[in-house]
Amino acid sequence: MYTILSLCQHGENRKTHIMYRCNLSYSQLQRYLEILTGLGLLEEDGGRYRITEKGERFIREFEDLRRLIE
């Protein structure tokens, strides 16, 4: 899920781009996108996905946590 959010943050925001870059099947991708949009971390806009402010905050906190663990 972090990778999907990160890709959307950097402009990779179409389903096919996300699917191939994350090495997911279409059904896996659909499920992850449903979860991320349901949590308010992504928004769909005309077939493209855009990271929300909440998604940006999630990425920052996830990266902070990863640095603490290392």
Protein backbone atom coordinates (compact mmCIF):
# COMPACT_ATOMS: atom_id res chain seq x y z
CA MET A 1 0.00 0.00 0.00
CA TYR A 2 2.91 2.33 0.73
CA THR A 3 4.25 1.72 -2.78
CA ILE A 4 0.90 2.54 -4.37
CA LEU A 5 0.68 5.77 -2.39
CA SER A 6 4.26 6.64 -3.23
CA LEU A 7 3.69 6.07 -6.95
CA CYS A 8 0.61 8.30 -6.89
CA GLN A 9 2.59 10.93 -5.04
CA HIS A 10 5.17 10.96 -7.85
CA GLY A 11 2.73 11.07 -10.77
CA GLU A 12 2.24 7.36 -11.55
CA ASN A 13 -1.49 7.50 -11.10
CA ARG A 14 -3.22 5.33 -13.69
CA LYS A 15 -4.37 1.83 -12.80
CA THR A 16 -2.19 0.10 -15.39
CA HIS A 17 0.93 2.01 -14.31
CA ILE A 18 0.33 1.18 -10.67
CA MET A 19 -0.47 -2.45 -11.44
CA TYR A 20 2.73 -3.05 -13.43
CA ARG A 21 5.04 -1.03 -11.16
CA CYS A 22 3.75 -2.90 -8.07
CA ASN A 23 3.66 -6.28 -9.83
CA LEU A 24 0.01 -6.87 -8.88
CA SER A 25 -2.80 -8.68 -10.63
CA TYR A 26 -5.81 -6.61 -11.61
CA SER A 27 -7.94 -8.09 -8.83
CA GLN A 28 -5.23 -7.38 -6.22
CA LEU A 29 -4.92 -3.82 -7.47
CA GLN A 30 -8.69 -3.31 -7.33
CA ARG A 31 -8.78 -4.49 -3.72
CA TYR A 32 -5.89 -2.26 -2.62
CA LEU A 33 -7.38 0.77 -4.38
CA GLU A 34 -10.74 0.13 -2.70
CA ILE A 35 -9.05 -0.02 0.70
CA LEU A 36 -6.93 3.09 0.13
CA THR A 37 -9.84 5.16 -1.19
CA GLY A 38 -12.09 3.86 1.59
CA LEU A 39 -9.56 5.02 4.18
CA GLY A 40 -9.33 8.42 2.51
CA LEU A 41 -5.69 8.02 1.51
CA LEU A 42 -6.40 8.16 -2.25
CA GLU A 43 -9.05 9.82 -4.40
CA GLU A 44 -10.10 8.76 -7.88
CA ASP A 45 -10.43 11.51 -10.43
CA GLY A 46 -11.43 10.45 -13.94
CA GLY A 47 -9.52 7.17 -14.01
CA ARG A 48 -6.50 8.62 -12.24
CA TYR A 49 -5.67 8.31 -8.58
CA ARG A 50 -4.49 11.21 -6.48
CA ILE A 51 -2.97 11.02 -3.03
CA THR A 52 -4.84 13.00 -0.38
CA GLU A 53 -3.41 15.08 2.43
CA LYS A 54 -4.14 12.15 4.75
CA GLY A 55 -2.19 9.89 2.38
CA GLU A 56 0.76 12.30 2.39
CA ARG A 57 0.71 12.27 6.20
CA PHE A 58 0.64 8.45 6.18
CA ILE A 59 3.73 8.33 3.96
CA ARG A 60 5.65 10.75 6.20
CA GLU A 61 4.76 8.82 9.35
CA PHE A 62 5.54 5.47 7.72
CA GLU A 63 8.98 6.73 6.63
CA ASP A 64 9.65 8.09 10.12
CA LEU A 65 8.73 4.72 11.62
CA ARG A 66 10.96 2.89 9.14
CA ARG A 67 13.90 5.15 10.11
CA LEU A 68 13.30 4.42 13.81
CA ILE A 69 13.31 0.66 13.20
CA GLU A 70 16.56 0.79 11.25
